[in-house]
Amino acid sequence: MGTSIGGLYVMYADLSDHPGCRRILCNPACHISKVIRQTIGFGKKEYFVPRQDGIHEYLLDEGVCAAFDKAIEETVRPQADIHRDYAVFSIHDELIGPEGILENMVVCQQAGYKVLLEDKGGHRLCRQSLRFIKEVIAECV
């Protein structure tokens, strides 16, 4: 399970050696470079939680966007299993925005994910969002 950029990473994870695993993407940042350029912006940013090595900030710039674009272009995305893999979108996702949510839903649906909408949380998952994910996916097992 991954959320935001973690959802993007999970989307590209090869689980062929782990047949019992499923993918759950939560508000995946499928177009991370676009989000950085248009919403987050370039410059120094603070980590929400400081790293263990004490570093508190990181730099977003065009080089980071180019690296993401290149990695996504060069990496084969495994096809999802419509019966096991889910992409969950919060309709109040303030970071991705309505247009981005729709774009990401299309990407996930075309990749074979079962797309779910939840109406409580935003980009960062809240307790109600997690409860929704647990209840819906548990019903589908």
Protein backbone atom coordinates (compact mmCIF):
# COMPACT_ATOMS: atom_id res chain seq x y z
CA MET A 1 0.00 0.00 0.00
CA GLY A 2 1.25 3.41 -0.88
CA THR A 3 -0.13 6.92 -0.75
CA SER A 4 0.75 9.87 -2.99
CA ILE A 5 4.21 9.30 -4.43
CA GLY A 6 4.27 6.02 -2.49
CA GLY A 7 1.20 5.04 -4.51
CA LEU A 8 3.17 5.75 -7.68
CA TYR A 9 6.00 3.53 -6.41
CA VAL A 10 3.58 0.71 -5.56
CA MET A 11 2.06 1.01 -9.03
CA TYR A 12 5.45 0.12 -10.50
CA ALA A 13 6.30 -2.60 -7.95
CA ASP A 14 6.86 -6.03 -9.45
CA LEU A 15 4.95 -8.50 -7.29
CA SER A 16 5.41 -11.50 -9.59
CA ASP A 17 7.42 -13.30 -6.89
CA HIS A 18 4.68 -12.56 -4.32
CA PRO A 19 1.43 -13.98 -5.74
CA GLY A 20 -0.55 -13.47 -2.50
CA CYS A 21 0.12 -9.73 -2.38
CA ARG A 22 -2.13 -7.04 -3.73
CA ARG A 23 -1.55 -3.41 -4.59
CA ILE A 24 -3.54 -0.64 -2.92
CA LEU A 25 -2.84 2.83 -4.26
CA CYS A 26 -4.18 5.75 -2.23
CA ASN A 27 -4.32 9.11 -4.00
CA PRO A 28 -1.44 8.07 -6.25
CA ALA A 29 0.60 10.90 -7.74
CA CYS A 30 0.61 9.37 -11.23
CA HIS A 31 1.88 12.62 -12.78
CA ILE A 32 4.30 13.64 -10.04
CA SER A 33 6.30 16.08 -12.20
CA LYS A 34 3.12 17.96 -13.09
CA VAL A 35 2.12 18.14 -9.42
CA ILE A 36 5.55 19.46 -8.46
CA ARG A 37 5.62 22.05 -11.25
CA GLN A 38 2.02 23.27 -10.93
CA THR A 39 1.06 22.80 -7.28
CA ILE A 40 4.00 22.22 -4.95
CA GLY A 41 6.58 24.41 -6.68
CA PHE A 42 10.35 24.40 -6.74
CA GLY A 43 12.66 25.26 -3.87
CA LYS A 44 13.57 23.95 -0.44
CA LYS A 45 10.80 22.05 1.35
CA GLU A 46 10.50 20.79 4.93
CA TYR A 47 9.96 17.10 5.61
CA PHE A 48 6.75 16.41 7.54
CA VAL A 49 8.79 14.09 9.74
CA PRO A 50 12.54 14.67 10.02
CA ARG A 51 14.74 11.92 8.66
CA GLN A 52 16.63 9.71 11.08
CA ASP A 53 19.90 11.31 9.99
CA GLY A 54 18.61 14.71 11.18
CA ILE A 55 18.05 16.25 7.75
CA HIS A 56 14.91 18.40 7.81
CA GLU A 57 14.60 19.67 4.25
CA TYR A 58 14.96 18.68 0.61
CA LEU A 59 15.16 20.50 -2.71
CA LEU A 60 12.63 20.26 -5.53
CA ASP A 61 13.86 21.52 -8.90
CA GLU A 62 13.62 20.77 -12.61
CA GLY A 63 16.28 18.07 -12.21
CA VAL A 64 14.03 16.16 -9.79
CA CYS A 65 11.11 16.40 -12.24
CA ALA A 66 13.29 15.24 -15.13
CA ALA A 67 14.53 12.28 -13.08
CA PHE A 68 10.95 11.24 -12.27
CA ASP A 69 9.90 11.61 -15.92
CA LYS A 70 12.85 9.52 -17.10
CA ALA A 71 12.33 6.79 -14.51
CA ILE A 72 8.62 6.50 -15.34
CA GLU A 73 9.33 6.43 -19.06
CA GLU A 74 11.98 3.71 -18.72
CA THR A 75 10.21 1.46 -16.19
CA VAL A 76 7.73 -1.18 -17.22
CA ARG A 77 4.56 -0.87 -15.16
CA PRO A 78 3.13 -4.28 -14.27
CA GLN A 79 -0.53 -4.76 -15.18
CA ALA A 80 -2.79 -4.72 -12.13
CA ASP A 81 -5.20 -7.52 -11.25
CA ILE A 82 -8.72 -6.05 -11.36
CA HIS A 83 -9.85 -8.60 -8.77
CA ARG A 84 -7.10 -7.87 -6.25
CA ASP A 85 -5.58 -4.43 -6.85
CA TYR A 86 -7.25 -1.13 -5.93
CA ALA A 87 -6.74 2.57 -6.50
CA VAL A 88 -8.53 4.70 -3.92
CA PHE A 89 -9.14 8.39 -4.52
CA SER A 90 -10.32 10.98 -2.00
CA ILE A 91 -12.64 13.41 -3.73
CA HIS A 92 -11.32 16.23 -1.51
CA ASP A 93 -7.68 15.75 -2.57
CA GLU A 94 -6.43 19.32 -2.33
CA LEU A 95 -2.95 18.56 -3.71
CA ILE A 96 -3.88 16.69 -6.88
CA GLY A 97 -7.10 18.66 -7.50
CA PRO A 98 -10.26 17.61 -9.39
CA GLU A 99 -8.67 17.52 -12.85
CA GLY A 100 -5.67 15.57 -11.57
CA ILE A 101 -7.90 13.10 -9.72
CA LEU A 102 -9.78 12.35 -12.94
CA GLU A 103 -6.53 11.99 -14.92
CA ASN A 104 -5.11 9.63 -12.29
CA MET A 105 -8.31 7.58 -12.16
CA VAL A 106 -8.07 7.02 -15.92
CA VAL A 107 -4.42 5.99 -15.65
CA CYS A 108 -5.24 3.51 -12.88
CA GLN A 109 -8.32 2.11 -14.59
CA GLN A 110 -6.41 1.61 -17.85
CA ALA A 111 -3.68 -0.16 -15.88
CA GLY A 112 -6.25 -2.64 -14.50
CA TYR A 113 -6.93 -1.26 -11.03
CA LYS A 114 -10.38 -1.33 -9.48
CA VAL A 115 -11.04 2.37 -8.80
CA LEU A 116 -12.76 3.44 -5.57
CA LEU A 117 -13.84 6.88 -4.39
CA GLU A 118 -14.01 7.96 -0.78
CA ASP A 119 -15.52 11.21 0.44
CA LYS A 120 -13.95 11.89 3.85
CA GLY A 121 -10.26 12.52 3.47
CA GLY A 122 -7.95 14.74 1.50
CA HIS A 123 -4.58 13.99 -0.02
CA ARG A 124 -3.25 12.80 3.30
CA LEU A 125 -5.28 9.92 4.60
CA CYS A 126 -7.37 10.39 7.70
CA ARG A 127 -8.78 7.74 10.04
CA GLN A 128 -12.12 7.66 8.16
CA SER A 129 -10.29 7.12 4.85
CA LEU A 130 -8.37 4.18 6.26
CA ARG A 131 -11.56 2.72 7.73
CA PHE A 132 -13.25 3.03 4.31
CA ILE A 133 -10.33 1.27 2.60
CA LYS A 134 -10.33 -1.53 5.16
CA GLU A 135 -14.11 -2.06 4.99
CA VAL A 136 -14.45 -1.94 1.21
CA ILE A 137 -11.46 -4.09 0.43
CA ALA A 138 -12.26 -6.60 3.18
CA GLU A 139 -15.74 -7.03 1.64
CA CYS A 140 -14.17 -7.76 -1.73
CA VAL A 141 -11.83 -10.51 -0.52
